[in-house]
């Protein structure tokens, strides 16, 4: 959470979340739902990379246990990262399956 900007906006398959508290709640829900998760990033590309802004896009895959059953999924992701006061912060994440 310390590297997520206060004004961040996250778009997940189940909804959109604005601000640190909404994002924290969504992430905590995911972590409590998917047990023993293994998350893999593939085909990482950096189409924008400057001293103040970085944008990456990638494919992801995950496996884990949901409600006692093995589950898995995959999709695409995009992240916008900005440099604020010499610290890189996540400003936007978009994950879709």
PDB file of N, CA and C in Angstrom:
ATOM      1  N   UNK A   1       0.808  -1.204   0.000  1.00  0.00           N
ATOM      2  CA  UNK A   1       0.000   0.000   0.000  1.00  0.00           C
ATOM      3  C   UNK A   1       0.856   1.274   0.000  1.00  0.00           C
ATOM      4  N   UNK A   2       2.065   1.268   0.567  1.00  0.00           N
ATOM      5  CA  UNK A   2       2.815   2.525   0.582  1.00  0.00           C
ATOM      6  C   UNK A   2       3.235   3.009  -0.806  1.00  0.00           C
ATOM      7  N   UNK A   3       3.150   2.162  -1.809  1.00  0.00           N
ATOM      8  CA  UNK A   3       3.547   2.558  -3.160  1.00  0.00           C
ATOM      9  C   UNK A   3       2.351   2.790  -4.085  1.00  0.00           C
ATOM     10  N   UNK A   4       1.162   2.869  -3.512  1.00  0.00           N
ATOM     11  CA  UNK A   4      -0.036   3.211  -4.281  1.00  0.00           C
ATOM     12  C   UNK A   4      -0.388   4.657  -3.968  1.00  0.00           C
ATOM     13  N   UNK A   5      -0.545   5.462  -5.012  1.00  0.00           N
ATOM     14  CA  UNK A   5      -0.851   6.882  -4.835  1.00  0.00           C
ATOM     15  C   UNK A   5      -2.227   7.059  -4.204  1.00  0.00           C
ATOM     16  N   UNK A   6      -2.359   8.082  -3.372  1.00  0.00           N
ATOM     17  CA  UNK A   6      -3.638   8.370  -2.708  1.00  0.00           C
ATOM     18  C   UNK A   6      -4.766   8.579  -3.715  1.00  0.00           C
ATOM     19  N   UNK A   7      -4.453   9.133  -4.889  1.00  0.00           N
ATOM     20  CA  UNK A   7      -5.469   9.411  -5.900  1.00  0.00           C
ATOM     21  C   UNK A   7      -5.503   8.341  -6.994  1.00  0.00           C
ATOM     22  N   UNK A   8      -5.011   7.160  -6.694  1.00  0.00           N
ATOM     23  CA  UNK A   8      -4.970   6.078  -7.678  1.00  0.00           C
ATOM     24  C   UNK A   8      -6.366   5.607  -8.061  1.00  0.00           C
ATOM     25  N   UNK A   9      -6.428   4.975  -9.226  1.00  0.00           N
ATOM     26  CA  UNK A   9      -7.663   4.408  -9.743  1.00  0.00           C
ATOM     27  C   UNK A   9      -7.333   3.029 -10.288  1.00  0.00           C
ATOM     28  N   UNK A  10      -8.007   1.994  -9.772  1.00  0.00           N
ATOM     29  CA  UNK A  10      -7.776   0.616 -10.210  1.00  0.00           C
ATOM     30  C   UNK A  10      -9.035   0.097 -10.880  1.00  0.00           C
ATOM     31  N   UNK A  11      -8.863  -0.535 -12.024  1.00  0.00           N
ATOM     32  CA  UNK A  11      -9.973  -1.153 -12.741  1.00  0.00           C
ATOM     33  C   UNK A  11      -9.723  -2.650 -12.777  1.00  0.00           C
ATOM     34  N   UNK A  12     -10.607  -3.401 -12.121  1.00  0.00           N
ATOM     35  CA  UNK A  12     -10.541  -4.858 -12.119  1.00  0.00           C
ATOM     36  C   UNK A  12     -11.777  -5.394 -12.824  1.00  0.00           C
ATOM     37  N   UNK A  13     -11.778  -6.680 -13.116  1.00  0.00           N
ATOM     38  CA  UNK A  13     -12.926  -7.284 -13.804  1.00  0.00           C
ATOM     39  C   UNK A  13     -14.213  -7.147 -13.004  1.00  0.00           C
ATOM     40  N   UNK A  14     -14.100  -7.073 -11.673  1.00  0.00           N
ATOM     41  CA  UNK A  14     -15.298  -6.989 -10.827  1.00  0.00           C
ATOM     42  C   UNK A  14     -15.701  -5.565 -10.472  1.00  0.00           C
ATOM     43  N   UNK A  15     -14.965  -4.562 -10.950  1.00  0.00           N
ATOM     44  CA  UNK A  15     -15.345  -3.191 -10.657  1.00  0.00           C
ATOM     45  C   UNK A  15     -14.173  -2.233 -10.685  1.00  0.00           C
ATOM     46  N   UNK A  16     -14.490  -0.957 -10.466  1.00  0.00           N
ATOM     47  CA  UNK A  16     -13.490   0.104 -10.427  1.00  0.00           C
ATOM     48  C   UNK A  16     -13.373   0.644  -9.018  1.00  0.00           C
ATOM     49  N   UNK A  17     -12.163   1.016  -8.645  1.00  0.00           N
ATOM     50  CA  UNK A  17     -11.887   1.462  -7.279  1.00  0.00           C
ATOM     51  C   UNK A  17     -11.047   2.729  -7.340  1.00  0.00           C
ATOM     52  N   UNK A  18     -11.482   3.757  -6.623  1.00  0.00           N
ATOM     53  CA  UNK A  18     -10.795   5.040  -6.627  1.00  0.00           C
ATOM     54  C   UNK A  18     -10.350   5.376  -5.207  1.00  0.00           C
ATOM     55  N   UNK A  19      -9.100   5.759  -5.079  1.00  0.00           N
ATOM     56  CA  UNK A  19      -8.567   6.148  -3.782  1.00  0.00           C
ATOM     57  C   UNK A  19      -8.031   4.961  -3.000  1.00  0.00           C
ATOM     58  N   UNK A  20      -7.153   5.267  -2.091  1.00  0.00           N
ATOM     59  CA  UNK A  20      -6.396   4.240  -1.377  1.00  0.00           C
ATOM     60  C   UNK A  20      -7.287   3.305  -0.562  1.00  0.00           C
ATOM     61  N   UNK A  21      -8.333   3.810   0.064  1.00  0.00           N
ATOM     62  CA  UNK A  21      -9.169   2.947   0.901  1.00  0.00           C
ATOM     63  C   UNK A  21      -9.984   1.957   0.076  1.00  0.00           C
ATOM     64  N   UNK A  22     -10.574   2.410  -1.034  1.00  0.00           N
ATOM     65  CA  UNK A  22     -11.314   1.485  -1.902  1.00  0.00           C
ATOM     66  C   UNK A  22     -10.385   0.429  -2.487  1.00  0.00           C
ATOM     67  N   UNK A  23      -9.199   0.848  -2.900  1.00  0.00           N
ATOM     68  CA  UNK A  23      -8.230  -0.084  -3.474  1.00  0.00           C
ATOM     69  C   UNK A  23      -7.771  -1.082  -2.431  1.00  0.00           C
ATOM     70  N   UNK A  24      -7.472  -0.610  -1.237  1.00  0.00           N
ATOM     71  CA  UNK A  24      -7.053  -1.500  -0.146  1.00  0.00           C
ATOM     72  C   UNK A  24      -8.129  -2.566   0.122  1.00  0.00           C
ATOM     73  N   UNK A  25      -9.369  -2.152   0.183  1.00  0.00           N
ATOM     74  CA  UNK A  25     -10.467  -3.079   0.442  1.00  0.00           C
ATOM     75  C   UNK A  25     -10.574  -4.130  -0.661  1.00  0.00           C
ATOM     76  N   UNK A  26     -10.451  -3.714  -1.912  1.00  0.00           N
ATOM     77  CA  UNK A  26     -10.545  -4.657  -3.038  1.00  0.00           C
ATOM     78  C   UNK A  26      -9.395  -5.658  -3.006  1.00  0.00           C
ATOM     79  N   UNK A  27      -8.191  -5.187  -2.724  1.00  0.00           N
ATOM     80  CA  UNK A  27      -7.026  -6.073  -2.670  1.00  0.00           C
ATOM     81  C   UNK A  27      -7.147  -7.040  -1.494  1.00  0.00           C
ATOM     82  N   UNK A  28      -7.564  -6.554  -0.342  1.00  0.00           N
ATOM     83  CA  UNK A  28      -7.735  -7.437   0.818  1.00  0.00           C
ATOM     84  C   UNK A  28      -8.787  -8.512   0.546  1.00  0.00           C
ATOM     85  N   UNK A  29      -9.862  -8.145  -0.143  1.00  0.00           N
ATOM     86  CA  UNK A  29     -10.904  -9.116  -0.484  1.00  0.00           C
ATOM     87  C   UNK A  29     -10.327 -10.210  -1.384  1.00  0.00           C
ATOM     88  N   UNK A  30      -9.549  -9.811  -2.373  1.00  0.00           N
ATOM     89  CA  UNK A  30      -8.936 -10.795  -3.279  1.00  0.00           C
ATOM     90  C   UNK A  30      -8.001 -11.722  -2.515  1.00  0.00           C
ATOM     91  N   UNK A  31      -7.139 -11.148  -1.666  1.00  0.00           N
ATOM     92  CA  UNK A  31      -6.182 -11.962  -0.915  1.00  0.00           C
ATOM     93  C   UNK A  31      -6.873 -12.905   0.059  1.00  0.00           C
ATOM     94  N   UNK A  32      -8.034 -12.533   0.572  1.00  0.00           N
ATOM     95  CA  UNK A  32      -8.739 -13.420   1.492  1.00  0.00           C
ATOM     96  C   UNK A  32      -9.562 -14.476   0.756  1.00  0.00           C
ATOM     97  N   UNK A  33      -9.846 -14.236  -0.524  1.00  0.00           N
ATOM     98  CA  UNK A  33     -10.644 -15.170  -1.318  1.00  0.00           C
ATOM     99  C   UNK A  33      -9.787 -16.234  -1.986  1.00  0.00           C
ATOM    100  N   UNK A  34      -8.641 -15.829  -2.528  1.00  0.00           N
ATOM    101  CA  UNK A  34      -7.757 -16.756  -3.244  1.00  0.00           C
ATOM    102  C   UNK A  34      -6.615 -17.145  -2.311  1.00  0.00           C
ATOM    103  N   UNK A  35      -6.621 -18.387  -1.855  1.00  0.00           N
ATOM    104  CA  UNK A  35      -5.575 -18.877  -0.959  1.00  0.00           C
ATOM    105  C   UNK A  35      -4.464 -19.531  -1.774  1.00  0.00           C
ATOM    106  N   UNK A  36      -3.249 -19.494  -1.235  1.00  0.00           N
ATOM    107  CA  UNK A  36      -2.082 -20.115  -1.873  1.00  0.00           C
ATOM    108  C   UNK A  36      -1.911 -19.645  -3.318  1.00  0.00           C
ATOM    109  N   UNK A  37      -2.148 -18.370  -3.546  1.00  0.00           N
ATOM    110  CA  UNK A  37      -2.091 -17.848  -4.916  1.00  0.00           C
ATOM    111  C   UNK A  37      -0.660 -17.793  -5.445  1.00  0.00           C
ATOM    112  N   UNK A  38      -0.521 -18.177  -6.699  1.00  0.00           N
ATOM    113  CA  UNK A  38       0.711 -17.984  -7.454  1.00  0.00           C
ATOM    114  C   UNK A  38       0.342 -17.096  -8.637  1.00  0.00           C
ATOM    115  N   UNK A  39       1.022 -15.956  -8.754  1.00  0.00           N
ATOM    116  CA  UNK A  39       0.710 -14.953  -9.774  1.00  0.00           C
ATOM    117  C   UNK A  39       1.930 -14.805 -10.670  1.00  0.00           C
ATOM    118  N   UNK A  40       1.721 -14.882 -11.973  1.00  0.00           N
ATOM    119  CA  UNK A  40       2.821 -14.809 -12.922  1.00  0.00           C
ATOM    120  C   UNK A  40       2.559 -13.722 -13.957  1.00  0.00           C
ATOM    121  N   UNK A  41       3.579 -12.919 -14.226  1.00  0.00           N
ATOM    122  CA  UNK A  41       3.515 -11.883 -15.256  1.00  0.00           C
ATOM    123  C   UNK A  41       4.317 -12.367 -16.459  1.00  0.00           C
ATOM    124  N   UNK A  42       3.735 -12.225 -17.652  1.00  0.00           N
ATOM    125  CA  UNK A  42       4.382 -12.650 -18.896  1.00  0.00           C
ATOM    126  C   UNK A  42       4.333 -11.521 -19.913  1.00  0.00           C
ATOM    127  N   UNK A  43       5.236 -11.568 -20.854  1.00  0.00           N
ATOM    128  CA  UNK A  43       5.236 -10.632 -21.997  1.00  0.00           C
ATOM    129  C   UNK A  43       5.219  -9.176 -21.545  1.00  0.00           C
ATOM    130  N   UNK A  44       6.002  -8.851 -20.545  1.00  0.00           N
ATOM    131  CA  UNK A  44       6.064  -7.490 -20.009  1.00  0.00           C
ATOM    132  C   UNK A  44       6.699  -6.549 -21.028  1.00  0.00           C
ATOM    133  N   UNK A  45       6.016  -5.431 -21.286  1.00  0.00           N
ATOM    134  CA  UNK A  45       6.522  -4.392 -22.184  1.00  0.00           C
ATOM    135  C   UNK A  45       6.406  -3.036 -21.494  1.00  0.00           C
ATOM    136  N   UNK A  46       7.314  -2.119 -21.815  1.00  0.00           N
ATOM    137  CA  UNK A  46       7.330  -0.768 -21.260  1.00  0.00           C
ATOM    138  C   UNK A  46       7.211   0.233 -22.414  1.00  0.00           C
ATOM    139  N   UNK A  47       5.998   0.525 -22.902  1.00  0.00           N
ATOM    140  CA  UNK A  47       5.865   1.451 -24.028  1.00  0.00           C
ATOM    141  C   UNK A  47       6.186   2.900 -23.672  1.00  0.00           C
ATOM    142  N   UNK A  48       6.101   3.252 -22.394  1.00  0.00           N
ATOM    143  CA  UNK A  48       6.462   4.596 -21.940  1.00  0.00           C
ATOM    144  C   UNK A  48       7.370   4.441 -20.731  1.00  0.00           C
ATOM    145  N   UNK A  49       8.545   5.075 -20.813  1.00  0.00           N
ATOM    146  CA  UNK A  49       9.489   5.014 -19.701  1.00  0.00           C
ATOM    147  C   UNK A  49      10.306   6.299 -19.714  1.00  0.00           C
ATOM    148  N   UNK A  50       9.940   7.224 -18.810  1.00  0.00           N
ATOM    149  CA  UNK A  50      10.644   8.493 -18.694  1.00  0.00           C
ATOM    150  C   UNK A  50      11.115   8.641 -17.250  1.00  0.00           C
ATOM    151  N   UNK A  51      11.698   9.776 -16.923  1.00  0.00           N
ATOM    152  CA  UNK A  51      12.152  10.002 -15.550  1.00  0.00           C
ATOM    153  C   UNK A  51      10.995  10.254 -14.589  1.00  0.00           C
ATOM    154  N   UNK A  52       9.788  10.526 -15.118  1.00  0.00           N
ATOM    155  CA  UNK A  52       8.656  10.816 -14.249  1.00  0.00           C
ATOM    156  C   UNK A  52       7.443   9.929 -14.409  1.00  0.00           C
ATOM    157  N   UNK A  53       7.379   9.179 -15.517  1.00  0.00           N
ATOM    158  CA  UNK A  53       6.221   8.333 -15.797  1.00  0.00           C
ATOM    159  C   UNK A  53       6.694   7.034 -16.434  1.00  0.00           C
ATOM    160  N   UNK A  54       6.076   5.940 -16.026  1.00  0.00           N
ATOM    161  CA  UNK A  54       6.335   4.642 -16.643  1.00  0.00           C
ATOM    162  C   UNK A  54       4.990   3.946 -16.860  1.00  0.00           C
ATOM    163  N   UNK A  55       4.843   3.331 -18.017  1.00  0.00           N
ATOM    164  CA  UNK A  55       3.640   2.567 -18.337  1.00  0.00           C
ATOM    165  C   UNK A  55       4.080   1.187 -18.786  1.00  0.00           C
ATOM    166  N   UNK A  56       3.472   0.170 -18.184  1.00  0.00           N
ATOM    167  CA  UNK A  56       3.768  -1.197 -18.622  1.00  0.00           C
ATOM    168  C   UNK A  56       2.467  -1.912 -18.966  1.00  0.00           C
ATOM    169  N   UNK A  57       2.613  -2.897 -19.840  1.00  0.00           N
ATOM    170  CA  UNK A  57       1.486  -3.764 -20.178  1.00  0.00           C
ATOM    171  C   UNK A  57       2.024  -5.191 -20.191  1.00  0.00           C
ATOM    172  N   UNK A  58       1.144  -6.128 -19.893  1.00  0.00           N
ATOM    173  CA  UNK A  58       1.589  -7.501 -19.706  1.00  0.00           C
ATOM    174  C   UNK A  58       0.408  -8.450 -19.757  1.00  0.00           C
ATOM    175  N   UNK A  59       0.715  -9.718 -19.801  1.00  0.00           N
ATOM    176  CA  UNK A  59      -0.269 -10.779 -19.615  1.00  0.00           C
ATOM    177  C   UNK A  59       0.009 -11.391 -18.248  1.00  0.00           C
ATOM    178  N   UNK A  60      -1.054 -11.834 -17.577  1.00  0.00           N
ATOM    179  CA  UNK A  60      -0.863 -12.453 -16.270  1.00  0.00           C
ATOM    180  C   UNK A  60      -1.621 -13.772 -16.207  1.00  0.00           C
ATOM    181  N   UNK A  61      -1.182 -14.609 -15.296  1.00  0.00           N
ATOM    182  CA  UNK A  61      -1.867 -15.871 -15.012  1.00  0.00           C
ATOM    183  C   UNK A  61      -1.768 -16.114 -13.513  1.00  0.00           C
ATOM    184  N   UNK A  62      -2.801 -16.722 -12.962  1.00  0.00           N
ATOM    185  CA  UNK A  62      -2.782 -17.027 -11.527  1.00  0.00           C
ATOM    186  C   UNK A  62      -3.374 -18.407 -11.290  1.00  0.00           C
ATOM    187  N   UNK A  63      -2.942 -19.013 -10.206  1.00  0.00           N
ATOM    188  CA  UNK A  63      -3.541 -20.254  -9.704  1.00  0.00           C
ATOM    189  C   UNK A  63      -3.704 -20.090  -8.207  1.00  0.00           C
ATOM    190  N   UNK A  64      -4.660 -20.794  -7.643  1.00  0.00           N
ATOM    191  CA  UNK A  64      -4.889 -20.736  -6.214  1.00  0.00           C
ATOM    192  C   UNK A  64      -6.061 -21.610  -5.820  1.00  0.00           C
ATOM    193  N   UNK A  65      -6.480 -21.455  -4.577  1.00  0.00           N
ATOM    194  CA  UNK A  65      -7.588 -22.229  -4.033  1.00  0.00           C
ATOM    195  C   UNK A  65      -8.700 -21.253  -3.647  1.00  0.00           C
ATOM    196  N   UNK A  66      -9.896 -21.467  -4.201  1.00  0.00           N
ATOM    197  CA  UNK A  66     -11.055 -20.634  -3.907  1.00  0.00           C
ATOM    198  C   UNK A  66     -12.166 -21.554  -3.409  1.00  0.00           C
ATOM    199  N   UNK A  67     -12.670 -21.288  -2.228  1.00  0.00           N
ATOM    200  CA  UNK A  67     -13.720 -22.122  -1.627  1.00  0.00           C
ATOM    201  C   UNK A  67     -13.320 -23.596  -1.593  1.00  0.00           C
ATOM    202  N   UNK A  68     -12.038 -23.850  -1.304  1.00  0.00           N
ATOM    203  CA  UNK A  68     -11.552 -25.216  -1.169  1.00  0.00           C
ATOM    204  C   UNK A  68     -11.262 -25.931  -2.471  1.00  0.00           C
ATOM    205  N   UNK A  69     -11.471 -25.269  -3.607  1.00  0.00           N
ATOM    206  CA  UNK A  69     -11.264 -25.885  -4.919  1.00  0.00           C
ATOM    207  C   UNK A  69     -10.137 -25.194  -5.671  1.00  0.00           C
ATOM    208  N   UNK A  70      -9.320 -25.940  -6.416  1.00  0.00           N
ATOM    209  CA  UNK A  70      -8.286 -25.307  -7.244  1.00  0.00           C
ATOM    210  C   UNK A  70      -8.930 -24.460  -8.344  1.00  0.00           C
ATOM    211  N   UNK A  71      -8.390 -23.276  -8.543  1.00  0.00           N
ATOM    212  CA  UNK A  71      -8.889 -22.368  -9.576  1.00  0.00           C
ATOM    213  C   UNK A  71      -7.703 -21.716 -10.268  1.00  0.00           C
ATOM    214  N   UNK A  72      -7.977 -21.166 -11.439  1.00  0.00           N
ATOM    215  CA  UNK A  72      -6.939 -20.438 -12.161  1.00  0.00           C
ATOM    216  C   UNK A  72      -7.600 -19.430 -13.082  1.00  0.00           C
ATOM    217  N   UNK A  73      -6.810 -18.485 -13.551  1.00  0.00           N
ATOM    218  CA  UNK A  73      -7.298 -17.482 -14.475  1.00  0.00           C
ATOM    219  C   UNK A  73      -6.139 -16.813 -15.179  1.00  0.00           C
ATOM    220  N   UNK A  74      -6.495 -16.013 -16.161  1.00  0.00           N
ATOM    221  CA  UNK A  74      -5.467 -15.273 -16.889  1.00  0.00           C
ATOM    222  C   UNK A  74      -6.087 -14.026 -17.480  1.00  0.00           C
ATOM    223  N   UNK A  75      -5.246 -13.106 -17.894  1.00  0.00           N
ATOM    224  CA  UNK A  75      -5.752 -11.890 -18.498  1.00  0.00           C
ATOM    225  C   UNK A  75      -4.640 -10.959 -18.897  1.00  0.00           C
ATOM    226  N   UNK A  76      -5.013  -9.681 -19.046  1.00  0.00           N
ATOM    227  CA  UNK A  76      -4.070  -8.643 -19.454  1.00  0.00           C
ATOM    228  C   UNK A  76      -4.067  -7.532 -18.414  1.00  0.00           C
ATOM    229  N   UNK A  77      -2.927  -6.868 -18.296  1.00  0.00           N
ATOM    230  CA  UNK A  77      -2.811  -5.782 -17.340  1.00  0.00           C
ATOM    231  C   UNK A  77      -2.064  -4.594 -17.919  1.00  0.00           C
ATOM    232  N   UNK A  78      -2.395  -3.427 -17.402  1.00  0.00           N
ATOM    233  CA  UNK A  78      -1.698  -2.185 -17.729  1.00  0.00           C
ATOM    234  C   UNK A  78      -1.513  -1.417 -16.420  1.00  0.00           C
ATOM    235  N   UNK A  79      -0.329  -0.881 -16.228  1.00  0.00           N
ATOM    236  CA  UNK A  79      -0.046  -0.077 -15.041  1.00  0.00           C
ATOM    237  C   UNK A  79       0.551   1.262 -15.450  1.00  0.00           C
ATOM    238  N   UNK A  80       0.135   2.320 -14.761  1.00  0.00           N
ATOM    239  CA  UNK A  80       0.722   3.649 -14.916  1.00  0.00           C
ATOM    240  C   UNK A  80       1.377   3.993 -13.586  1.00  0.00           C
ATOM    241  N   UNK A  81       2.670   4.254 -13.640  1.00  0.00           N
ATOM    242  CA  UNK A  81       3.454   4.523 -12.440  1.00  0.00           C
ATOM    243  C   UNK A  81       4.046   5.926 -12.590  1.00  0.00           C
ATOM    244  N   UNK A  82       3.932   6.743 -11.548  1.00  0.00           N
ATOM    245  CA  UNK A  82       4.440   8.111 -11.595  1.00  0.00           C
ATOM    246  C   UNK A  82       5.457   8.326 -10.481  1.00  0.00           C
ATOM    247  N   UNK A  83       6.379   9.218 -10.736  1.00  0.00           N
ATOM    248  CA  UNK A  83       7.392   9.559  -9.733  1.00  0.00           C
ATOM    249  C   UNK A  83       6.936  10.814  -9.000  1.00  0.00           C
ATOM    250  N   UNK A  84       6.753  10.684  -7.693  1.00  0.00           N
ATOM    251  CA  UNK A  84       6.337  11.805  -6.853  1.00  0.00           C
ATOM    252  C   UNK A  84       7.295  11.912  -5.682  1.00  0.00           C
ATOM    253  N   UNK A  85       7.900  13.076  -5.537  1.00  0.00           N
ATOM    254  CA  UNK A  85       8.872  13.298  -4.453  1.00  0.00           C
ATOM    255  C   UNK A  85       9.924  12.195  -4.413  1.00  0.00           C
ATOM    256  N   UNK A  86      10.452  11.858  -5.581  1.00  0.00           N
ATOM    257  CA  UNK A  86      11.519  10.859  -5.741  1.00  0.00           C
ATOM    258  C   UNK A  86      11.092   9.436  -5.423  1.00  0.00           C
ATOM    259  N   UNK A  87       9.785   9.181  -5.321  1.00  0.00           N
ATOM    260  CA  UNK A  87       9.268   7.833  -5.038  1.00  0.00           C
ATOM    261  C   UNK A  87       8.337   7.428  -6.175  1.00  0.00           C
ATOM    262  N   UNK A  88       8.518   6.215  -6.691  1.00  0.00           N
ATOM    263  CA  UNK A  88       7.623   5.696  -7.712  1.00  0.00           C
ATOM    264  C   UNK A  88       6.339   5.205  -7.055  1.00  0.00           C
ATOM    265  N   UNK A  89       5.185   5.660  -7.573  1.00  0.00           N
ATOM    266  CA  UNK A  89       3.873   5.337  -7.015  1.00  0.00           C
ATOM    267  C   UNK A  89       2.956   4.825  -8.128  1.00  0.00           C
ATOM    268  N   UNK A  90       2.158   3.810  -7.806  1.00  0.00           N
ATOM    269  CA  UNK A  90       1.179   3.287  -8.755  1.00  0.00           C
ATOM    270  C   UNK A  90      -0.001   4.258  -8.820  1.00  0.00           C
ATOM    271  N   UNK A  91      -0.262   4.789 -10.002  1.00  0.00           N
ATOM    272  CA  UNK A  91      -1.369   5.715 -10.185  1.00  0.00           C
ATOM    273  C   UNK A  91      -2.591   5.019 -10.781  1.00  0.00           C
ATOM    274  N   UNK A  92      -2.345   4.005 -11.606  1.00  0.00           N
ATOM    275  CA  UNK A  92      -3.470   3.321 -12.246  1.00  0.00           C
ATOM    276  C   UNK A  92      -3.092   1.865 -12.542  1.00  0.00           C
ATOM    277  N   UNK A  93      -4.050   0.969 -12.310  1.00  0.00           N
ATOM    278  CA  UNK A  93      -3.885  -0.414 -12.712  1.00  0.00           C
ATOM    279  C   UNK A  93      -5.181  -0.855 -13.355  1.00  0.00           C
ATOM    280  N   UNK A  94      -5.054  -1.555 -14.486  1.00  0.00           N
ATOM    281  CA  UNK A  94      -6.215  -2.069 -15.191  1.00  0.00           C
ATOM    282  C   UNK A  94      -5.946  -3.542 -15.485  1.00  0.00           C
ATOM    283  N   UNK A  95      -6.702  -4.415 -14.841  1.00  0.00           N
ATOM    284  CA  UNK A  95      -6.600  -5.854 -15.063  1.00  0.00           C
ATOM    285  C   UNK A  95      -7.909  -6.349 -15.653  1.00  0.00           C
ATOM    286  N   UNK A  96      -7.830  -7.132 -16.702  1.00  0.00           N
ATOM    287  CA  UNK A  96      -9.034  -7.707 -17.286  1.00  0.00           C
ATOM    288  C   UNK A  96      -8.769  -9.145 -17.688  1.00  0.00           C
ATOM    289  N   UNK A  97      -9.796  -9.947 -17.542  1.00  0.00           N
ATOM    290  CA  UNK A  97      -9.644 -11.364 -17.900  1.00  0.00           C
ATOM    291  C   UNK A  97     -10.353 -11.657 -19.200  1.00  0.00           C
TER     292      UNK A  97
END
